[in-house]
């Protein structure tokens, strides 16, 4: 299995409404997650989250697809070119 490192960035608008579902999805991929950083912008009612993963392209795509289908969640992913 070819694995790659990726950084998934997420912006949650109105995080109180979607944060539980977001965290539930992320916890299902804990085997590939190497780090997570979240920054709340309370006054703006937005949360910014960066998740670093090491997994196959299928695993990374599955995670980003599920997160991107949540309402008021924007996802962008950067994937390394190097195969591990």
C-alpha atoms as a PDB file:
ATOM      1  CA  UNK A   1       0.000   0.000   0.000  1.00  0.00           C
ATOM      2  CA  UNK A   2       1.404   3.339  -1.045  1.00  0.00           C
ATOM      3  CA  UNK A   3       0.939   5.991   1.597  1.00  0.00           C
ATOM      4  CA  UNK A   4       1.262   9.748   1.466  1.00  0.00           C
ATOM      5  CA  UNK A   5       1.329  12.592   3.932  1.00  0.00           C
ATOM      6  CA  UNK A   6      -1.483  15.108   3.613  1.00  0.00           C
ATOM      7  CA  UNK A   7      -2.764  18.183   5.397  1.00  0.00           C
ATOM      8  CA  UNK A   8      -6.508  18.633   5.475  1.00  0.00           C
ATOM      9  CA  UNK A   9      -7.688  22.142   6.255  1.00  0.00           C
ATOM     10  CA  UNK A  10     -11.253  22.733   7.341  1.00  0.00           C
ATOM     11  CA  UNK A  11     -13.288  25.852   8.004  1.00  0.00           C
ATOM     12  CA  UNK A  12     -16.430  25.309  10.056  1.00  0.00           C
ATOM     13  CA  UNK A  13     -18.947  28.149   9.852  1.00  0.00           C
ATOM     14  CA  UNK A  14     -21.239  27.945  12.854  1.00  0.00           C
ATOM     15  CA  UNK A  15     -19.183  25.178  14.454  1.00  0.00           C
ATOM     16  CA  UNK A  16     -21.676  24.582  17.247  1.00  0.00           C
ATOM     17  CA  UNK A  17     -24.085  23.087  14.719  1.00  0.00           C
ATOM     18  CA  UNK A  18     -21.672  20.692  13.005  1.00  0.00           C
ATOM     19  CA  UNK A  19     -18.740  20.130  15.361  1.00  0.00           C
ATOM     20  CA  UNK A  20     -20.056  16.889  16.895  1.00  0.00           C
ATOM     21  CA  UNK A  21     -20.558  15.270  13.474  1.00  0.00           C
ATOM     22  CA  UNK A  22     -17.165  16.575  12.314  1.00  0.00           C
ATOM     23  CA  UNK A  23     -15.404  15.108  15.361  1.00  0.00           C
ATOM     24  CA  UNK A  24     -17.261  11.812  14.985  1.00  0.00           C
ATOM     25  CA  UNK A  25     -16.035  11.425  11.403  1.00  0.00           C
ATOM     26  CA  UNK A  26     -12.473  12.391  12.332  1.00  0.00           C
ATOM     27  CA  UNK A  27     -12.388   9.894  15.212  1.00  0.00           C
ATOM     28  CA  UNK A  28     -13.236   7.130  12.747  1.00  0.00           C
ATOM     29  CA  UNK A  29      -9.918   7.818  11.003  1.00  0.00           C
ATOM     30  CA  UNK A  30      -7.724   8.016  14.108  1.00  0.00           C
ATOM     31  CA  UNK A  31      -5.371   5.329  12.745  1.00  0.00           C
ATOM     32  CA  UNK A  32      -4.151   7.648   9.971  1.00  0.00           C
ATOM     33  CA  UNK A  33      -4.215  10.951  11.895  1.00  0.00           C
ATOM     34  CA  UNK A  34      -0.822  12.142  13.094  1.00  0.00           C
ATOM     35  CA  UNK A  35      -1.770  15.609  14.363  1.00  0.00           C
ATOM     36  CA  UNK A  36      -4.608  18.071  14.698  1.00  0.00           C
ATOM     37  CA  UNK A  37      -4.741  21.789  15.429  1.00  0.00           C
ATOM     38  CA  UNK A  38      -7.865  23.856  15.897  1.00  0.00           C
ATOM     39  CA  UNK A  39      -8.267  27.597  16.217  1.00  0.00           C
ATOM     40  CA  UNK A  40     -11.638  28.971  17.308  1.00  0.00           C
ATOM     41  CA  UNK A  41     -12.700  32.415  16.119  1.00  0.00           C
ATOM     42  CA  UNK A  42     -15.484  32.845  18.652  1.00  0.00           C
ATOM     43  CA  UNK A  43     -16.527  36.378  17.687  1.00  0.00           C
ATOM     44  CA  UNK A  44     -16.797  35.350  14.041  1.00  0.00           C
ATOM     45  CA  UNK A  45     -18.495  32.005  14.877  1.00  0.00           C
ATOM     46  CA  UNK A  46     -15.916  30.100  12.803  1.00  0.00           C
ATOM     47  CA  UNK A  47     -13.414  27.348  13.621  1.00  0.00           C
ATOM     48  CA  UNK A  48     -10.304  26.596  11.564  1.00  0.00           C
ATOM     49  CA  UNK A  49      -8.890  23.078  11.829  1.00  0.00           C
ATOM     50  CA  UNK A  50      -5.773  21.501  10.297  1.00  0.00           C
ATOM     51  CA  UNK A  51      -5.380  17.719  10.340  1.00  0.00           C
ATOM     52  CA  UNK A  52      -2.155  15.977   9.300  1.00  0.00           C
ATOM     53  CA  UNK A  53      -2.576  12.410   8.079  1.00  0.00           C
ATOM     54  CA  UNK A  54      -0.462   9.543   6.770  1.00  0.00           C
ATOM     55  CA  UNK A  55      -2.543   7.167   4.671  1.00  0.00           C
ATOM     56  CA  UNK A  56      -3.418   5.808   1.276  1.00  0.00           C
ATOM     57  CA  UNK A  57      -5.054   8.067  -1.283  1.00  0.00           C
ATOM     58  CA  UNK A  58      -8.290   6.117  -0.780  1.00  0.00           C
ATOM     59  CA  UNK A  59      -8.236   6.742   2.984  1.00  0.00           C
ATOM     60  CA  UNK A  60      -7.456  10.435   2.548  1.00  0.00           C
ATOM     61  CA  UNK A  61     -10.151  10.859  -0.106  1.00  0.00           C
ATOM     62  CA  UNK A  62     -12.700   9.022   2.018  1.00  0.00           C
ATOM     63  CA  UNK A  63     -12.052  11.277   5.016  1.00  0.00           C
ATOM     64  CA  UNK A  64     -12.109  14.508   3.018  1.00  0.00           C
ATOM     65  CA  UNK A  65     -15.225  13.454   1.138  1.00  0.00           C
ATOM     66  CA  UNK A  66     -17.174  12.771   4.320  1.00  0.00           C
ATOM     67  CA  UNK A  67     -16.031  16.024   5.929  1.00  0.00           C
ATOM     68  CA  UNK A  68     -16.766  18.024   2.795  1.00  0.00           C
ATOM     69  CA  UNK A  69     -20.350  16.749   2.701  1.00  0.00           C
ATOM     70  CA  UNK A  70     -21.130  18.323   6.073  1.00  0.00           C
ATOM     71  CA  UNK A  71     -23.149  21.541   5.892  1.00  0.00           C
ATOM     72  CA  UNK A  72     -21.176  24.787   6.375  1.00  0.00           C
ATOM     73  CA  UNK A  73     -17.819  22.973   6.194  1.00  0.00           C
ATOM     74  CA  UNK A  74     -15.175  23.900   3.595  1.00  0.00           C
ATOM     75  CA  UNK A  75     -12.317  21.459   2.989  1.00  0.00           C
ATOM     76  CA  UNK A  76      -9.029  21.801   1.117  1.00  0.00           C
ATOM     77  CA  UNK A  77      -6.339  19.132   1.042  1.00  0.00           C
ATOM     78  CA  UNK A  78      -2.646  19.212   0.193  1.00  0.00           C
ATOM     79  CA  UNK A  79      -1.109  15.821  -0.565  1.00  0.00           C
ATOM     80  CA  UNK A  80       2.611  15.091  -0.786  1.00  0.00           C
ATOM     81  CA  UNK A  81       3.973  13.952  -4.125  1.00  0.00           C
ATOM     82  CA  UNK A  82       6.363  11.568  -2.403  1.00  0.00           C
ATOM     83  CA  UNK A  83       5.073   8.033  -1.899  1.00  0.00           C
ATOM     84  CA  UNK A  84       6.004   6.411   1.414  1.00  0.00           C
END
